[in-house]
Amino acid sequence: MGIDIWSLILQVATLVAVIVAAWQLLFHSRQMHREFESLYIARYWELMDRRSFRWVSSGGPRRADIVVIKGYLQLCEDEIDCRRIGRVTDSTWKFWRAAILSQAGGDHYRHVLDVSPKDDYPLVRELLHSGSSYDPLPRSWFWRKTHGL
């Protein structure tokens, strides 16, 4: 009987150790995603800091601001693509999706999209067409959670 109790204690301890190790791996994966996402946030603010004073103060971009608009649309394209390949967490994607819909759906951004070749920014166009339910990551909830998303 003494051996059975020790065996049970060792099995429970092993199970607890496996659960803790799995939790640590998921936590580490999530942290890596957050660090990756912060690079895109920094890129966003670098672009927004390049806007002209006229655009920031009056709401109307200058001709030189078209470079910023195109840079933002390309950034959005990259963010959507990163989500598509499983590099962006669910919570960040919800925030980014709403922000892209709001900003890229604005008149100045839409105009640049309209005059750009149709094969430019295909993921941004798909998001704007599909709306707030769009998610380019076709994976199950379980898969996303086990990959730290």
C-alpha atoms as a PDB file:
ATOM      1  CA  MET A   1       0.000   0.000   0.000  1.00  0.00           C
ATOM      2  CA  GLY A   2       2.875   2.407   0.752  1.00  0.00           C
ATOM      3  CA  ILE A   3       4.264   1.943  -2.735  1.00  0.00           C
ATOM      4  CA  ASP A   4       0.869   2.720  -4.321  1.00  0.00           C
ATOM      5  CA  ILE A   5       0.595   6.045  -2.486  1.00  0.00           C
ATOM      6  CA  TRP A   6       4.111   7.070  -3.500  1.00  0.00           C
ATOM      7  CA  SER A   7       3.371   6.056  -7.056  1.00  0.00           C
ATOM      8  CA  LEU A   8       0.201   8.159  -7.060  1.00  0.00           C
ATOM      9  CA  ILE A   9       2.057  11.140  -5.557  1.00  0.00           C
ATOM     10  CA  LEU A  10       4.769  10.889  -8.235  1.00  0.00           C
ATOM     11  CA  GLN A  11       2.175  10.623 -11.007  1.00  0.00           C
ATOM     12  CA  VAL A  12       0.322  13.696  -9.725  1.00  0.00           C
ATOM     13  CA  ALA A  13       3.603  15.609  -9.379  1.00  0.00           C
ATOM     14  CA  THR A  14       4.521  14.640 -12.949  1.00  0.00           C
ATOM     15  CA  LEU A  15       1.124  15.775 -14.214  1.00  0.00           C
ATOM     16  CA  VAL A  16       1.469  19.109 -12.420  1.00  0.00           C
ATOM     17  CA  ALA A  17       4.979  19.571 -13.864  1.00  0.00           C
ATOM     18  CA  VAL A  18       3.710  18.861 -17.402  1.00  0.00           C
ATOM     19  CA  ILE A  19       0.829  21.329 -16.981  1.00  0.00           C
ATOM     20  CA  VAL A  20       3.159  24.036 -15.658  1.00  0.00           C
ATOM     21  CA  ALA A  21       5.617  23.451 -18.525  1.00  0.00           C
ATOM     22  CA  ALA A  22       2.813  23.663 -21.110  1.00  0.00           C
ATOM     23  CA  TRP A  23       1.501  26.870 -19.527  1.00  0.00           C
ATOM     24  CA  GLN A  24       4.993  28.383 -19.611  1.00  0.00           C
ATOM     25  CA  LEU A  25       5.375  27.509 -23.297  1.00  0.00           C
ATOM     26  CA  LEU A  26       2.043  29.155 -24.130  1.00  0.00           C
ATOM     27  CA  PHE A  27       2.944  32.215 -22.062  1.00  0.00           C
ATOM     28  CA  HIS A  28       6.305  32.475 -23.822  1.00  0.00           C
ATOM     29  CA  SER A  29       4.633  32.154 -27.224  1.00  0.00           C
ATOM     30  CA  ARG A  30       2.150  34.887 -26.350  1.00  0.00           C
ATOM     31  CA  GLN A  31       4.963  37.170 -25.190  1.00  0.00           C
ATOM     32  CA  MET A  32       6.793  36.630 -28.485  1.00  0.00           C
ATOM     33  CA  HIS A  33       3.627  37.588 -30.375  1.00  0.00           C
ATOM     34  CA  ARG A  34       3.293  40.757 -28.278  1.00  0.00           C
ATOM     35  CA  GLU A  35       6.879  41.785 -28.991  1.00  0.00           C
ATOM     36  CA  PHE A  36       6.321  41.185 -32.708  1.00  0.00           C
ATOM     37  CA  GLU A  37       3.101  43.229 -32.653  1.00  0.00           C
ATOM     38  CA  SER A  38       4.865  46.116 -30.931  1.00  0.00           C
ATOM     39  CA  LEU A  39       7.132  46.462 -33.993  1.00  0.00           C
ATOM     40  CA  TYR A  40       4.063  47.148 -36.118  1.00  0.00           C
ATOM     41  CA  ILE A  41       2.758  49.665 -33.612  1.00  0.00           C
ATOM     42  CA  ALA A  42       6.085  51.500 -33.775  1.00  0.00           C
ATOM     43  CA  ARG A  43       5.911  51.478 -37.593  1.00  0.00           C
ATOM     44  CA  TYR A  44       2.402  52.935 -37.414  1.00  0.00           C
ATOM     45  CA  TRP A  45       3.489  55.857 -35.223  1.00  0.00           C
ATOM     46  CA  GLU A  46       6.549  56.515 -37.403  1.00  0.00           C
ATOM     47  CA  LEU A  47       4.186  56.910 -40.362  1.00  0.00           C
ATOM     48  CA  MET A  48       1.721  59.097 -38.462  1.00  0.00           C
ATOM     49  CA  ASP A  49       4.563  61.325 -37.274  1.00  0.00           C
ATOM     50  CA  ARG A  50       5.487  61.979 -40.931  1.00  0.00           C
ATOM     51  CA  ARG A  51       2.097  63.542 -41.727  1.00  0.00           C
ATOM     52  CA  SER A  52       2.180  67.205 -42.620  1.00  0.00           C
ATOM     53  CA  PHE A  53       1.120  69.804 -40.076  1.00  0.00           C
ATOM     54  CA  ARG A  54      -1.636  70.881 -42.448  1.00  0.00           C
ATOM     55  CA  TRP A  55      -3.113  67.364 -42.499  1.00  0.00           C
ATOM     56  CA  VAL A  56      -2.900  66.964 -38.735  1.00  0.00           C
ATOM     57  CA  SER A  57      -4.384  70.396 -37.994  1.00  0.00           C
ATOM     58  CA  SER A  58      -7.039  70.725 -40.694  1.00  0.00           C
ATOM     59  CA  GLY A  59      -7.813  67.177 -41.733  1.00  0.00           C
ATOM     60  CA  GLY A  60      -6.667  67.580 -45.325  1.00  0.00           C
ATOM     61  CA  PRO A  61      -3.524  65.875 -46.597  1.00  0.00           C
ATOM     62  CA  ARG A  62      -1.078  67.593 -48.906  1.00  0.00           C
ATOM     63  CA  ARG A  63       0.192  65.993 -52.069  1.00  0.00           C
ATOM     64  CA  ALA A  64       3.345  64.888 -50.182  1.00  0.00           C
ATOM     65  CA  ASP A  65       1.143  63.042 -47.659  1.00  0.00           C
ATOM     66  CA  ILE A  66       0.198  60.494 -50.325  1.00  0.00           C
ATOM     67  CA  VAL A  67       3.464  58.713 -49.447  1.00  0.00           C
ATOM     68  CA  VAL A  68       2.246  58.399 -45.856  1.00  0.00           C
ATOM     69  CA  ILE A  69      -1.141  57.119 -46.993  1.00  0.00           C
ATOM     70  CA  LYS A  70       0.478  54.494 -49.226  1.00  0.00           C
ATOM     71  CA  GLY A  71       2.846  53.557 -46.414  1.00  0.00           C
ATOM     72  CA  TYR A  72      -0.109  53.107 -44.069  1.00  0.00           C
ATOM     73  CA  LEU A  73      -1.982  50.961 -46.583  1.00  0.00           C
ATOM     74  CA  GLN A  74       1.121  48.788 -47.024  1.00  0.00           C
ATOM     75  CA  LEU A  75       1.478  48.535 -43.249  1.00  0.00           C
ATOM     76  CA  CYS A  76      -2.147  47.377 -43.054  1.00  0.00           C
ATOM     77  CA  GLU A  77      -1.481  44.853 -45.804  1.00  0.00           C
ATOM     78  CA  ASP A  78       1.452  43.495 -43.792  1.00  0.00           C
ATOM     79  CA  GLU A  79      -0.583  43.367 -40.569  1.00  0.00           C
ATOM     80  CA  ILE A  80      -3.401  41.452 -42.259  1.00  0.00           C
ATOM     81  CA  ASP A  81      -0.885  39.073 -43.812  1.00  0.00           C
ATOM     82  CA  CYS A  82       0.737  38.503 -40.410  1.00  0.00           C
ATOM     83  CA  ARG A  83      -2.664  37.630 -39.006  1.00  0.00           C
ATOM     84  CA  ARG A  84      -3.263  35.281 -41.940  1.00  0.00           C
ATOM     85  CA  ILE A  85      -0.128  33.289 -41.085  1.00  0.00           C
ATOM     86  CA  GLY A  86      -0.830  33.232 -37.337  1.00  0.00           C
ATOM     87  CA  ARG A  87       1.535  35.914 -36.037  1.00  0.00           C
ATOM     88  CA  VAL A  88      -1.049  38.289 -34.526  1.00  0.00           C
ATOM     89  CA  THR A  89      -3.036  37.530 -31.369  1.00  0.00           C
ATOM     90  CA  ASP A  90      -6.829  37.480 -31.334  1.00  0.00           C
ATOM     91  CA  SER A  91      -7.121  40.542 -29.103  1.00  0.00           C
ATOM     92  CA  THR A  92      -4.676  42.575 -31.190  1.00  0.00           C
ATOM     93  CA  TRP A  93      -6.397  41.509 -34.405  1.00  0.00           C
ATOM     94  CA  LYS A  94      -9.772  42.753 -33.128  1.00  0.00           C
ATOM     95  CA  PHE A  95      -8.222  46.123 -32.336  1.00  0.00           C
ATOM     96  CA  TRP A  96      -6.250  46.350 -35.591  1.00  0.00           C
ATOM     97  CA  ARG A  97      -9.236  45.272 -37.687  1.00  0.00           C
ATOM     98  CA  ALA A  98     -11.412  48.029 -36.219  1.00  0.00           C
ATOM     99  CA  ALA A  99      -8.629  50.599 -36.636  1.00  0.00           C
ATOM    100  CA  ILE A 100      -7.962  49.608 -40.253  1.00  0.00           C
ATOM    101  CA  LEU A 101     -11.658  49.704 -41.089  1.00  0.00           C
ATOM    102  CA  SER A 102     -11.944  53.159 -39.541  1.00  0.00           C
ATOM    103  CA  GLN A 103      -8.788  54.749 -40.916  1.00  0.00           C
ATOM    104  CA  ALA A 104      -8.390  53.007 -44.284  1.00  0.00           C
ATOM    105  CA  GLY A 105     -12.111  53.449 -44.877  1.00  0.00           C
ATOM    106  CA  GLY A 106     -11.685  57.241 -44.701  1.00  0.00           C
ATOM    107  CA  ASP A 107     -12.042  59.386 -47.807  1.00  0.00           C
ATOM    108  CA  HIS A 108      -8.338  60.131 -48.355  1.00  0.00           C
ATOM    109  CA  TYR A 109      -7.307  56.496 -47.993  1.00  0.00           C
ATOM    110  CA  ARG A 110     -10.204  55.279 -50.146  1.00  0.00           C
ATOM    111  CA  HIS A 111      -9.195  57.706 -52.871  1.00  0.00           C
ATOM    112  CA  VAL A 112      -5.650  56.331 -52.923  1.00  0.00           C
ATOM    113  CA  LEU A 113      -7.050  52.793 -53.007  1.00  0.00           C
ATOM    114  CA  ASP A 114      -9.379  53.714 -55.872  1.00  0.00           C
ATOM    115  CA  VAL A 115      -6.577  55.128 -58.026  1.00  0.00           C
ATOM    116  CA  SER A 116      -4.099  52.342 -57.184  1.00  0.00           C
ATOM    117  CA  PRO A 117      -3.839  49.259 -59.399  1.00  0.00           C
ATOM    118  CA  LYS A 118      -6.393  46.629 -58.417  1.00  0.00           C
ATOM    119  CA  ASP A 119      -3.701  44.134 -57.448  1.00  0.00           C
ATOM    120  CA  ASP A 120      -2.216  46.573 -54.897  1.00  0.00           C
ATOM    121  CA  TYR A 121      -3.393  46.073 -51.290  1.00  0.00           C
ATOM    122  CA  PRO A 122      -5.634  43.036 -51.956  1.00  0.00           C
ATOM    123  CA  LEU A 123      -5.946  42.126 -48.273  1.00  0.00           C
ATOM    124  CA  VAL A 124      -6.884  45.673 -47.294  1.00  0.00           C
ATOM    125  CA  ARG A 125      -9.507  45.719 -50.031  1.00  0.00           C
ATOM    126  CA  GLU A 126     -10.880  42.372 -48.843  1.00  0.00           C
ATOM    127  CA  LEU A 127     -11.092  43.605 -45.248  1.00  0.00           C
ATOM    128  CA  LEU A 128     -12.845  46.825 -46.272  1.00  0.00           C
ATOM    129  CA  HIS A 129     -15.280  44.832 -48.392  1.00  0.00           C
ATOM    130  CA  SER A 130     -15.965  42.156 -45.731  1.00  0.00           C
ATOM    131  CA  GLY A 131     -16.203  44.414 -42.683  1.00  0.00           C
ATOM    132  CA  SER A 132     -15.921  43.737 -38.978  1.00  0.00           C
ATOM    133  CA  SER A 133     -16.396  39.964 -39.206  1.00  0.00           C
ATOM    134  CA  TYR A 134     -13.344  39.456 -41.442  1.00  0.00           C
ATOM    135  CA  ASP A 135     -10.546  37.297 -40.073  1.00  0.00           C
ATOM    136  CA  PRO A 136      -7.887  36.074 -42.517  1.00  0.00           C
ATOM    137  CA  LEU A 137      -6.768  33.324 -40.109  1.00  0.00           C
ATOM    138  CA  PRO A 138      -8.862  30.248 -40.965  1.00  0.00           C
ATOM    139  CA  ARG A 139      -7.990  28.297 -37.816  1.00  0.00           C
ATOM    140  CA  SER A 140     -10.123  26.999 -34.973  1.00  0.00           C
ATOM    141  CA  TRP A 141     -10.275  28.573 -31.531  1.00  0.00           C
ATOM    142  CA  PHE A 142      -8.366  25.586 -30.114  1.00  0.00           C
ATOM    143  CA  TRP A 143      -5.547  25.927 -32.658  1.00  0.00           C
ATOM    144  CA  ARG A 144      -5.240  29.666 -31.989  1.00  0.00           C
ATOM    145  CA  LYS A 145      -5.099  29.160 -28.216  1.00  0.00           C
ATOM    146  CA  THR A 146      -2.518  26.373 -28.411  1.00  0.00           C
ATOM    147  CA  HIS A 147      -0.341  28.665 -30.540  1.00  0.00           C
ATOM    148  CA  GLY A 148      -0.518  31.582 -28.120  1.00  0.00           C
ATOM    149  CA  LEU A 149      -2.990  33.636 -30.088  1.00  0.00           C
END
